[in-house]
């Protein structure tokens, strides 16, 4: 067996060491490249997101400002609507209050207007009494006015309360006096009416003032 020369053996050993070092450097370079590739991925995503945001012109702070502006606009609209509704309600309240006051103030306007013709009739009758000697004609004129006025009251729901020869009813009559009577059937009954009473539809408008027999 031929032995290698010492120089050749030394040279072969250095060559092997050099190859080992190169392989190690290549592995380390590849590992660094992989780490850079993996480590830069989030940075690339961040850069891409920043580019997208820059392209759209909106950032987080810009979005907050826009939301605040929207809220301010909506608040202004709601305040304006509230003020309008408040003003409308105030006008409605004043109008209804005035209408109620007018109703209570002029409630009897139509009734009083319809009573004026009777005043005209009475004035004409009084003139005839002063200038006429025909008392029968004057009496007839007054009777006509009375009938006309009675019909007017009936048309407005006014009806006389019956009293003569009726039993005394505390809900309808006021006793102002008692007089002795000879007939037994008149005892405890109404024998005279001092002041007539009237209904307004089904309600007692005025009680009759009566005299009761005993």
C-alpha atoms as a PDB file:
ATOM      1  CA  UNK A   1       0.000   0.000   0.000  1.00  0.00           C
ATOM      2  CA  UNK A   2       1.314   3.410  -1.000  1.00  0.00           C
ATOM      3  CA  UNK A   3       1.235   6.045   1.656  1.00  0.00           C
ATOM      4  CA  UNK A   4       0.165   9.597   0.780  1.00  0.00           C
ATOM      5  CA  UNK A   5       2.625  12.255   1.050  1.00  0.00           C
ATOM      6  CA  UNK A   6       2.248  14.570   4.046  1.00  0.00           C
ATOM      7  CA  UNK A   7       1.694  17.619   1.802  1.00  0.00           C
ATOM      8  CA  UNK A   8      -1.078  15.989  -0.157  1.00  0.00           C
ATOM      9  CA  UNK A   9      -2.792  14.804   3.017  1.00  0.00           C
ATOM     10  CA  UNK A  10      -2.664  18.283   4.459  1.00  0.00           C
ATOM     11  CA  UNK A  11      -4.072  19.783   1.276  1.00  0.00           C
ATOM     12  CA  UNK A  12      -6.946  17.244   1.210  1.00  0.00           C
ATOM     13  CA  UNK A  13      -7.798  18.047   4.820  1.00  0.00           C
ATOM     14  CA  UNK A  14      -7.961  21.794   4.160  1.00  0.00           C
ATOM     15  CA  UNK A  15     -10.190  21.201   1.144  1.00  0.00           C
ATOM     16  CA  UNK A  16     -12.630  19.178   3.218  1.00  0.00           C
ATOM     17  CA  UNK A  17     -12.727  21.861   5.909  1.00  0.00           C
ATOM     18  CA  UNK A  18     -13.409  24.514   3.279  1.00  0.00           C
ATOM     19  CA  UNK A  19     -16.319  22.535   1.849  1.00  0.00           C
ATOM     20  CA  UNK A  20     -17.783  22.062   5.335  1.00  0.00           C
ATOM     21  CA  UNK A  21     -17.557  25.815   6.011  1.00  0.00           C
ATOM     22  CA  UNK A  22     -19.178  26.658   2.663  1.00  0.00           C
ATOM     23  CA  UNK A  23     -22.039  24.257   3.341  1.00  0.00           C
ATOM     24  CA  UNK A  24     -22.536  25.795   6.774  1.00  0.00           C
ATOM     25  CA  UNK A  25     -22.539  29.314   5.320  1.00  0.00           C
ATOM     26  CA  UNK A  26     -25.073  28.286   2.673  1.00  0.00           C
ATOM     27  CA  UNK A  27     -27.380  26.813   5.348  1.00  0.00           C
ATOM     28  CA  UNK A  28     -27.153  29.943   7.481  1.00  0.00           C
ATOM     29  CA  UNK A  29     -27.849  32.179   4.469  1.00  0.00           C
ATOM     30  CA  UNK A  30     -30.881  30.134   3.516  1.00  0.00           C
ATOM     31  CA  UNK A  31     -32.176  30.237   7.107  1.00  0.00           C
ATOM     32  CA  UNK A  32     -31.780  34.031   7.247  1.00  0.00           C
ATOM     33  CA  UNK A  33     -33.596  34.377   3.930  1.00  0.00           C
ATOM     34  CA  UNK A  34     -36.458  32.214   5.209  1.00  0.00           C
ATOM     35  CA  UNK A  35     -36.677  34.216   8.417  1.00  0.00           C
ATOM     36  CA  UNK A  36     -36.685  37.476   6.489  1.00  0.00           C
ATOM     37  CA  UNK A  37     -39.378  36.165   4.206  1.00  0.00           C
ATOM     38  CA  UNK A  38     -41.571  35.011   7.098  1.00  0.00           C
ATOM     39  CA  UNK A  39     -40.853  38.020   9.283  1.00  0.00           C
ATOM     40  CA  UNK A  40     -41.553  40.553   6.590  1.00  0.00           C
ATOM     41  CA  UNK A  41     -44.991  39.086   5.739  1.00  0.00           C
ATOM     42  CA  UNK A  42     -46.853  41.086   8.456  1.00  0.00           C
ATOM     43  CA  UNK A  43     -44.900  44.164   7.465  1.00  0.00           C
ATOM     44  CA  UNK A  44     -45.941  43.571   3.870  1.00  0.00           C
ATOM     45  CA  UNK A  45     -49.586  43.223   4.973  1.00  0.00           C
ATOM     46  CA  UNK A  46     -49.309  46.407   7.034  1.00  0.00           C
ATOM     47  CA  UNK A  47     -47.772  48.250   4.109  1.00  0.00           C
ATOM     48  CA  UNK A  48     -50.520  46.943   1.833  1.00  0.00           C
ATOM     49  CA  UNK A  49     -53.206  48.029   4.323  1.00  0.00           C
ATOM     50  CA  UNK A  50     -51.599  51.439   4.585  1.00  0.00           C
ATOM     51  CA  UNK A  51     -51.518  51.694   0.805  1.00  0.00           C
ATOM     52  CA  UNK A  52     -55.201  50.688   0.630  1.00  0.00           C
ATOM     53  CA  UNK A  53     -56.136  53.259   3.237  1.00  0.00           C
ATOM     54  CA  UNK A  54     -54.085  55.833   1.435  1.00  0.00           C
ATOM     55  CA  UNK A  55     -55.829  54.971  -1.809  1.00  0.00           C
ATOM     56  CA  UNK A  56     -59.288  55.408  -0.265  1.00  0.00           C
ATOM     57  CA  UNK A  57     -58.250  58.526   1.633  1.00  0.00           C
ATOM     58  CA  UNK A  58     -59.709  57.272   4.974  1.00  0.00           C
ATOM     59  CA  UNK A  59     -57.864  56.590   8.163  1.00  0.00           C
ATOM     60  CA  UNK A  60     -59.162  55.677  11.614  1.00  0.00           C
ATOM     61  CA  UNK A  61     -59.131  59.297  12.784  1.00  0.00           C
ATOM     62  CA  UNK A  62     -60.878  60.460   9.595  1.00  0.00           C
ATOM     63  CA  UNK A  63     -63.658  57.914  10.150  1.00  0.00           C
ATOM     64  CA  UNK A  64     -64.174  59.153  13.733  1.00  0.00           C
ATOM     65  CA  UNK A  65     -64.417  62.750  12.483  1.00  0.00           C
ATOM     66  CA  UNK A  66     -66.992  61.730   9.864  1.00  0.00           C
ATOM     67  CA  UNK A  67     -69.076  59.888  12.480  1.00  0.00           C
ATOM     68  CA  UNK A  68     -69.028  62.928  14.760  1.00  0.00           C
ATOM     69  CA  UNK A  69     -70.186  65.156  11.896  1.00  0.00           C
ATOM     70  CA  UNK A  70     -73.060  62.759  11.126  1.00  0.00           C
ATOM     71  CA  UNK A  71     -74.122  62.786  14.768  1.00  0.00           C
ATOM     72  CA  UNK A  72     -74.010  66.577  14.875  1.00  0.00           C
ATOM     73  CA  UNK A  73     -76.174  66.824  11.738  1.00  0.00           C
ATOM     74  CA  UNK A  74     -78.708  64.360  13.146  1.00  0.00           C
ATOM     75  CA  UNK A  75     -78.759  66.195  16.482  1.00  0.00           C
ATOM     76  CA  UNK A  76     -79.391  69.509  14.731  1.00  0.00           C
ATOM     77  CA  UNK A  77     -82.264  67.941  12.757  1.00  0.00           C
ATOM     78  CA  UNK A  78     -83.832  66.509  15.916  1.00  0.00           C
ATOM     79  CA  UNK A  79     -83.525  69.845  17.732  1.00  0.00           C
ATOM     80  CA  UNK A  80     -85.136  71.666  14.812  1.00  0.00           C
ATOM     81  CA  UNK A  81     -87.972  69.129  14.705  1.00  0.00           C
ATOM     82  CA  UNK A  82     -88.498  69.467  18.466  1.00  0.00           C
ATOM     83  CA  UNK A  83     -88.668  73.255  18.249  1.00  0.00           C
ATOM     84  CA  UNK A  84     -91.201  73.082  15.410  1.00  0.00           C
ATOM     85  CA  UNK A  85     -93.411  70.587  17.257  1.00  0.00           C
ATOM     86  CA  UNK A  86     -93.206  72.654  20.427  1.00  0.00           C
ATOM     87  CA  UNK A  87     -94.243  75.804  18.551  1.00  0.00           C
ATOM     88  CA  UNK A  88     -97.121  74.001  16.831  1.00  0.00           C
ATOM     89  CA  UNK A  89     -98.386  72.601  20.126  1.00  0.00           C
ATOM     90  CA  UNK A  90     -98.178  76.022  21.782  1.00  0.00           C
ATOM     91  CA  UNK A  91    -100.186  77.557  18.946  1.00  0.00           C
ATOM     92  CA  UNK A  92    -102.755  74.727  19.191  1.00  0.00           C
ATOM     93  CA  UNK A  93    -103.061  75.234  22.953  1.00  0.00           C
ATOM     94  CA  UNK A  94    -103.602  78.981  22.589  1.00  0.00           C
ATOM     95  CA  UNK A  95    -106.139  78.467  19.816  1.00  0.00           C
ATOM     96  CA  UNK A  96    -108.185  75.897  21.750  1.00  0.00           C
ATOM     97  CA  UNK A  97    -108.071  78.048  24.885  1.00  0.00           C
ATOM     98  CA  UNK A  98    -109.415  81.012  22.929  1.00  0.00           C
ATOM     99  CA  UNK A  99    -112.147  78.831  21.397  1.00  0.00           C
ATOM    100  CA  UNK A 100    -113.203  77.610  24.846  1.00  0.00           C
ATOM    101  CA  UNK A 101    -113.325  81.161  26.146  1.00  0.00           C
ATOM    102  CA  UNK A 102    -115.415  82.226  23.153  1.00  0.00           C
ATOM    103  CA  UNK A 103    -117.782  79.287  23.630  1.00  0.00           C
ATOM    104  CA  UNK A 104    -118.345  80.106  27.297  1.00  0.00           C
ATOM    105  CA  UNK A 105    -118.641  83.816  26.513  1.00  0.00           C
ATOM    106  CA  UNK A 106    -121.057  83.504  23.601  1.00  0.00           C
ATOM    107  CA  UNK A 107    -122.768  80.207  24.535  1.00  0.00           C
ATOM    108  CA  UNK A 108    -126.236  81.781  24.548  1.00  0.00           C
ATOM    109  CA  UNK A 109    -125.734  83.832  21.382  1.00  0.00           C
ATOM    110  CA  UNK A 110    -128.145  81.857  19.201  1.00  0.00           C
ATOM    111  CA  UNK A 111    -130.795  81.691  21.913  1.00  0.00           C
ATOM    112  CA  UNK A 112    -130.640  85.400  22.621  1.00  0.00           C
ATOM    113  CA  UNK A 113    -130.720  86.182  18.922  1.00  0.00           C
ATOM    114  CA  UNK A 114    -133.941  84.181  18.593  1.00  0.00           C
ATOM    115  CA  UNK A 115    -135.433  86.056  21.538  1.00  0.00           C
ATOM    116  CA  UNK A 116    -135.037  89.448  19.899  1.00  0.00           C
ATOM    117  CA  UNK A 117    -138.218  89.127  17.758  1.00  0.00           C
ATOM    118  CA  UNK A 118    -140.281  88.797  20.941  1.00  0.00           C
ATOM    119  CA  UNK A 119    -138.784  92.030  22.224  1.00  0.00           C
ATOM    120  CA  UNK A 120    -139.835  93.670  18.945  1.00  0.00           C
ATOM    121  CA  UNK A 121    -143.373  92.342  19.372  1.00  0.00           C
ATOM    122  CA  UNK A 122    -143.617  93.645  22.927  1.00  0.00           C
ATOM    123  CA  UNK A 123    -142.387  97.075  21.893  1.00  0.00           C
ATOM    124  CA  UNK A 124    -145.018  97.277  19.148  1.00  0.00           C
ATOM    125  CA  UNK A 125    -147.711  96.114  21.594  1.00  0.00           C
ATOM    126  CA  UNK A 126    -146.729  98.793  24.119  1.00  0.00           C
ATOM    127  CA  UNK A 127    -146.997 101.497  21.435  1.00  0.00           C
ATOM    128  CA  UNK A 128    -150.494 100.284  20.544  1.00  0.00           C
ATOM    129  CA  UNK A 129    -151.506 100.347  24.227  1.00  0.00           C
ATOM    130  CA  UNK A 130    -150.473 103.989  24.473  1.00  0.00           C
ATOM    131  CA  UNK A 131    -152.220 105.120  21.292  1.00  0.00           C
ATOM    132  CA  UNK A 132    -155.157 102.702  20.952  1.00  0.00           C
ATOM    133  CA  UNK A 133    -158.482 102.710  22.747  1.00  0.00           C
ATOM    134  CA  UNK A 134    -159.349  99.206  21.586  1.00  0.00           C
ATOM    135  CA  UNK A 135    -158.356  97.135  24.590  1.00  0.00           C
ATOM    136  CA  UNK A 136    -159.687  93.941  23.011  1.00  0.00           C
ATOM    137  CA  UNK A 137    -157.280  94.336  20.094  1.00  0.00           C
ATOM    138  CA  UNK A 138    -154.400  94.990  22.454  1.00  0.00           C
ATOM    139  CA  UNK A 139    -155.296  91.909  24.487  1.00  0.00           C
ATOM    140  CA  UNK A 140    -155.447  89.797  21.342  1.00  0.00           C
ATOM    141  CA  UNK A 141    -152.012  91.029  20.283  1.00  0.00           C
ATOM    142  CA  UNK A 142    -150.533  90.159  23.682  1.00  0.00           C
ATOM    143  CA  UNK A 143    -152.114  86.702  23.509  1.00  0.00           C
ATOM    144  CA  UNK A 144    -150.493  86.116  20.135  1.00  0.00           C
ATOM    145  CA  UNK A 145    -147.100  87.109  21.535  1.00  0.00           C
ATOM    146  CA  UNK A 146    -147.612  84.741  24.458  1.00  0.00           C
ATOM    147  CA  UNK A 147    -148.503  81.816  22.176  1.00  0.00           C
ATOM    148  CA  UNK A 148    -145.576  82.552  19.923  1.00  0.00           C
ATOM    149  CA  UNK A 149    -143.193  82.674  22.877  1.00  0.00           C
ATOM    150  CA  UNK A 150    -144.577  79.437  24.344  1.00  0.00           C
ATOM    151  CA  UNK A 151    -143.993  77.668  21.033  1.00  0.00           C
ATOM    152  CA  UNK A 152    -140.437  78.997  20.957  1.00  0.00           C
ATOM    153  CA  UNK A 153    -139.762  77.576  24.422  1.00  0.00           C
ATOM    154  CA  UNK A 154    -141.213  74.200  23.435  1.00  0.00           C
ATOM    155  CA  UNK A 155    -138.976  74.084  20.362  1.00  0.00           C
ATOM    156  CA  UNK A 156    -135.950  74.563  22.624  1.00  0.00           C
ATOM    157  CA  UNK A 157    -136.893  71.739  24.993  1.00  0.00           C
ATOM    158  CA  UNK A 158    -138.655  73.841  27.634  1.00  0.00           C
ATOM    159  CA  UNK A 159    -141.744  72.174  29.100  1.00  0.00           C
ATOM    160  CA  UNK A 160    -143.978  73.207  32.002  1.00  0.00           C
ATOM    161  CA  UNK A 161    -144.044  71.042  35.151  1.00  0.00           C
ATOM    162  CA  UNK A 162    -147.578  69.912  35.993  1.00  0.00           C
ATOM    163  CA  UNK A 163    -148.606  70.955  39.475  1.00  0.00           C
ATOM    164  CA  UNK A 164    -152.319  71.736  39.990  1.00  0.00           C
ATOM    165  CA  UNK A 165    -154.147  68.842  41.695  1.00  0.00           C
ATOM    166  CA  UNK A 166    -150.954  66.758  41.682  1.00  0.00           C
ATOM    167  CA  UNK A 167    -149.399  65.139  44.736  1.00  0.00           C
ATOM    168  CA  UNK A 168    -146.567  67.137  46.203  1.00  0.00           C
ATOM    169  CA  UNK A 169    -143.175  65.937  44.898  1.00  0.00           C
ATOM    170  CA  UNK A 170    -140.103  67.334  46.585  1.00  0.00           C
ATOM    171  CA  UNK A 171    -138.052  66.719  43.420  1.00  0.00           C
ATOM    172  CA  UNK A 172    -140.358  68.937  41.355  1.00  0.00           C
ATOM    173  CA  UNK A 173    -142.100  71.330  43.724  1.00  0.00           C
ATOM    174  CA  UNK A 174    -141.248  73.855  46.423  1.00  0.00           C
ATOM    175  CA  UNK A 175    -144.028  74.369  49.005  1.00  0.00           C
ATOM    176  CA  UNK A 176    -144.364  78.025  49.925  1.00  0.00           C
ATOM    177  CA  UNK A 177    -147.611  77.781  51.913  1.00  0.00           C
ATOM    178  CA  UNK A 178    -150.351  75.494  53.222  1.00  0.00           C
ATOM    179  CA  UNK A 179    -154.037  76.313  53.307  1.00  0.00           C
ATOM    180  CA  UNK A 180    -156.960  74.394  54.782  1.00  0.00           C
ATOM    181  CA  UNK A 181    -159.323  72.756  52.301  1.00  0.00           C
ATOM    182  CA  UNK A 182    -162.779  71.304  52.789  1.00  0.00           C
ATOM    183  CA  UNK A 183    -162.472  68.574  50.160  1.00  0.00           C
ATOM    184  CA  UNK A 184    -160.729  65.460  51.404  1.00  0.00           C
ATOM    185  CA  UNK A 185    -159.359  64.624  47.964  1.00  0.00           C
ATOM    186  CA  UNK A 186    -157.395  67.936  47.928  1.00  0.00           C
ATOM    187  CA  UNK A 187    -155.653  67.378  51.235  1.00  0.00           C
ATOM    188  CA  UNK A 188    -151.945  66.854  50.652  1.00  0.00           C
ATOM    189  CA  UNK A 189    -152.286  67.937  47.044  1.00  0.00           C
ATOM    190  CA  UNK A 190    -151.263  71.119  45.275  1.00  0.00           C
ATOM    191  CA  UNK A 191    -154.137  73.576  45.146  1.00  0.00           C
ATOM    192  CA  UNK A 192    -152.364  76.631  43.727  1.00  0.00           C
ATOM    193  CA  UNK A 193    -149.187  77.540  41.822  1.00  0.00           C
ATOM    194  CA  UNK A 194    -147.386  80.732  42.798  1.00  0.00           C
ATOM    195  CA  UNK A 195    -144.591  80.305  40.233  1.00  0.00           C
ATOM    196  CA  UNK A 196    -144.519  77.779  37.416  1.00  0.00           C
ATOM    197  CA  UNK A 197    -141.688  75.320  37.114  1.00  0.00           C
ATOM    198  CA  UNK A 198    -140.116  74.060  33.897  1.00  0.00           C
ATOM    199  CA  UNK A 199    -138.146  71.151  32.483  1.00  0.00           C
ATOM    200  CA  UNK A 200    -135.232  71.537  30.125  1.00  0.00           C
ATOM    201  CA  UNK A 201    -135.682  68.276  28.255  1.00  0.00           C
ATOM    202  CA  UNK A 202    -135.457  65.710  31.127  1.00  0.00           C
ATOM    203  CA  UNK A 203    -133.807  68.033  33.648  1.00  0.00           C
ATOM    204  CA  UNK A 204    -135.660  70.265  36.111  1.00  0.00           C
ATOM    205  CA  UNK A 205    -134.794  73.781  35.067  1.00  0.00           C
ATOM    206  CA  UNK A 206    -136.840  75.447  37.824  1.00  0.00           C
ATOM    207  CA  UNK A 207    -138.978  73.997  40.608  1.00  0.00           C
ATOM    208  CA  UNK A 208    -142.609  75.000  40.855  1.00  0.00           C
ATOM    209  CA  UNK A 209    -143.522  77.120  43.873  1.00  0.00           C
ATOM    210  CA  UNK A 210    -146.832  75.770  45.095  1.00  0.00           C
ATOM    211  CA  UNK A 211    -149.469  75.921  47.787  1.00  0.00           C
ATOM    212  CA  UNK A 212    -150.536  72.638  49.443  1.00  0.00           C
ATOM    213  CA  UNK A 213    -153.991  71.886  50.826  1.00  0.00           C
ATOM    214  CA  UNK A 214    -154.431  70.441  54.334  1.00  0.00           C
END
